[in-house]
Amino acid sequence: MWNRLRGSLTRDGLVARRVEPTVPPGVFYRLTGLGLSLEAALAGLRTWAEEHMAEIDRANEANGQEVDEG
């Protein structure tokens, strides 16, 4: 899943990827200006998630789902 998401973020111009020609290859990622422009919107989402985490956990437990902590 991460590979597909990473490819999408790179393709969409939100993340820049750089590969160093070392053994093993070094791969580095950074947010682009476009990616950085999401900071305020994502901060709001993070705040909402933190405020509702207990409810989300209860809903997962009620539906028989394990809470993914990693």
C-alpha atoms as a PDB file:
ATOM      1  CA  MET A   1       0.000   0.000   0.000  1.00  0.00           C
ATOM      2  CA  TRP A   2       2.795   2.443   0.901  1.00  0.00           C
ATOM      3  CA  ASN A   3       4.394   1.996  -2.525  1.00  0.00           C
ATOM      4  CA  ARG A   4       1.134   2.858  -4.281  1.00  0.00           C
ATOM      5  CA  LEU A   5       0.491   5.832  -1.994  1.00  0.00           C
ATOM      6  CA  ARG A   6       4.076   7.068  -2.345  1.00  0.00           C
ATOM      7  CA  GLY A   7       3.797   6.840  -6.131  1.00  0.00           C
ATOM      8  CA  SER A   8       0.556   8.801  -6.065  1.00  0.00           C
ATOM      9  CA  LEU A   9       1.987  11.511  -3.822  1.00  0.00           C
ATOM     10  CA  THR A  10       5.040  11.807  -6.045  1.00  0.00           C
ATOM     11  CA  ARG A  11       2.999  11.757  -9.252  1.00  0.00           C
ATOM     12  CA  ASP A  12       0.643  14.402  -7.828  1.00  0.00           C
ATOM     13  CA  GLY A  13       3.586  16.683  -7.036  1.00  0.00           C
ATOM     14  CA  LEU A  14       3.155  16.591  -3.245  1.00  0.00           C
ATOM     15  CA  VAL A  15       6.352  14.651  -2.495  1.00  0.00           C
ATOM     16  CA  ALA A  16       9.752  14.746  -4.192  1.00  0.00           C
ATOM     17  CA  ARG A  17      11.794  11.523  -4.276  1.00  0.00           C
ATOM     18  CA  ARG A  18      15.567  11.368  -4.661  1.00  0.00           C
ATOM     19  CA  VAL A  19      17.590   8.170  -5.061  1.00  0.00           C
ATOM     20  CA  GLU A  20      21.298   8.152  -4.168  1.00  0.00           C
ATOM     21  CA  PRO A  21      23.434   5.732  -6.217  1.00  0.00           C
ATOM     22  CA  THR A  22      24.829   3.886  -3.207  1.00  0.00           C
ATOM     23  CA  VAL A  23      24.724   0.246  -2.145  1.00  0.00           C
ATOM     24  CA  PRO A  24      22.099  -0.198  -0.933  1.00  0.00           C
ATOM     25  CA  PRO A  25      20.416   2.741  -2.692  1.00  0.00           C
ATOM     26  CA  GLY A  26      19.565   5.652  -0.430  1.00  0.00           C
ATOM     27  CA  VAL A  27      16.062   6.989  -1.036  1.00  0.00           C
ATOM     28  CA  PHE A  28      15.022  10.351   0.362  1.00  0.00           C
ATOM     29  CA  TYR A  29      11.638  12.063   0.352  1.00  0.00           C
ATOM     30  CA  ARG A  30      10.611  15.641   1.025  1.00  0.00           C
ATOM     31  CA  LEU A  31       7.412  17.597   0.752  1.00  0.00           C
ATOM     32  CA  THR A  32       7.242  19.977  -2.185  1.00  0.00           C
ATOM     33  CA  GLY A  33       5.765  23.454  -1.931  1.00  0.00           C
ATOM     34  CA  LEU A  34       2.437  21.980  -2.994  1.00  0.00           C
ATOM     35  CA  GLY A  35       2.696  19.315  -0.285  1.00  0.00           C
ATOM     36  CA  LEU A  36       3.590  21.914   2.329  1.00  0.00           C
ATOM     37  CA  SER A  37       0.497  23.908   1.356  1.00  0.00           C
ATOM     38  CA  LEU A  38      -1.617  21.103   2.882  1.00  0.00           C
ATOM     39  CA  GLU A  39      -0.246  21.792   6.373  1.00  0.00           C
ATOM     40  CA  ALA A  40      -3.195  23.869   7.626  1.00  0.00           C
ATOM     41  CA  ALA A  41      -5.821  21.498   6.235  1.00  0.00           C
ATOM     42  CA  LEU A  42      -4.078  18.445   7.668  1.00  0.00           C
ATOM     43  CA  ALA A  43      -3.647  20.154  11.040  1.00  0.00           C
ATOM     44  CA  GLY A  44      -7.433  20.467  11.209  1.00  0.00           C
ATOM     45  CA  LEU A  45      -7.851  16.807  10.334  1.00  0.00           C
ATOM     46  CA  ARG A  46      -5.272  15.808  12.961  1.00  0.00           C
ATOM     47  CA  THR A  47      -7.084  17.845  15.613  1.00  0.00           C
ATOM     48  CA  TRP A  48     -10.402  16.238  14.692  1.00  0.00           C
ATOM     49  CA  ALA A  49      -8.880  12.738  14.814  1.00  0.00           C
ATOM     50  CA  GLU A  50      -7.295  13.364  18.221  1.00  0.00           C
ATOM     51  CA  GLU A  51     -10.601  14.654  19.596  1.00  0.00           C
ATOM     52  CA  HIS A  52     -12.529  11.638  18.302  1.00  0.00           C
ATOM     53  CA  MET A  53      -9.987   8.829  18.737  1.00  0.00           C
ATOM     54  CA  ALA A  54     -11.841   7.210  21.643  1.00  0.00           C
ATOM     55  CA  GLU A  55     -15.064   7.136  19.605  1.00  0.00           C
ATOM     56  CA  ILE A  56     -13.247   5.689  16.601  1.00  0.00           C
ATOM     57  CA  ASP A  57     -11.635   3.010  18.775  1.00  0.00           C
ATOM     58  CA  ARG A  58     -15.039   2.095  20.278  1.00  0.00           C
ATOM     59  CA  ALA A  59     -16.582   1.857  16.808  1.00  0.00           C
ATOM     60  CA  ASN A  60     -13.763  -0.431  15.637  1.00  0.00           C
ATOM     61  CA  GLU A  61     -14.161  -2.652  18.686  1.00  0.00           C
ATOM     62  CA  ALA A  62     -17.950  -2.763  18.274  1.00  0.00           C
ATOM     63  CA  ASN A  63     -17.515  -3.866  14.682  1.00  0.00           C
ATOM     64  CA  GLY A  64     -14.985  -6.549  15.559  1.00  0.00           C
ATOM     65  CA  GLN A  65     -12.045  -4.761  13.999  1.00  0.00           C
ATOM     66  CA  GLU A  66      -8.574  -4.633  15.506  1.00  0.00           C
ATOM     67  CA  VAL A  67      -7.251  -1.140  16.075  1.00  0.00           C
ATOM     68  CA  ASP A  68      -4.110  -0.687  13.951  1.00  0.00           C
ATOM     69  CA  GLU A  69      -1.448   0.957  16.092  1.00  0.00           C
ATOM     70  CA  GLY A  70       1.368   0.723  13.543  1.00  0.00           C
END
